[in-house]
Amino acid sequence: VTLDLALREHIESRLNESDLSVDQLCHRFGLSRASLYRRFQEDGGVEHYIAGRRLDRCLLELCAAQPVRGQVKTVADRWGFTDPGNFSRRFRERFGVAPTDCLAACAAPTSVTAGKQHLVHYWMRKHRR
């Protein structure tokens, strides 16, 4: 397993942990900050990579959830987004839709539920780095 793959696997397995940070990664893998940043340069930086993966998880969870009051906040909190305004802005930037609209659209009763799931999976494959 390469170091880059090990880093990404470590991040994926700890996305919901609040202590996942640059410092924690540097300590765990024995890397300097500069070395860690270089490894994620093509991803926009390590923090950008982590936030993007967390947003991807939020999208999947919102698409599988029932639209109940507070659901967006619950999902955002679970994945480390404590500021609702910041979460909503970042979600909209990444996916082109507000999280509440995503929740409502995915929960709408239609005969194309499988099609919606296919579109989410297609989007994830296309944008995953």
Foldseek 3Di string as FASTA:
>chain_A
DDPLVVLVVVLVVCQQPQPDDLVVSCVVSVHDSVVQQVSCVVVVGDVSLSVVVLLLVLLVVLLVDADDPCPSVVSCVSRPNNDQVVSQVVNCVLPVDGSNVSSCVSNDDDPCNVVVVVVSVVSCVVPPD
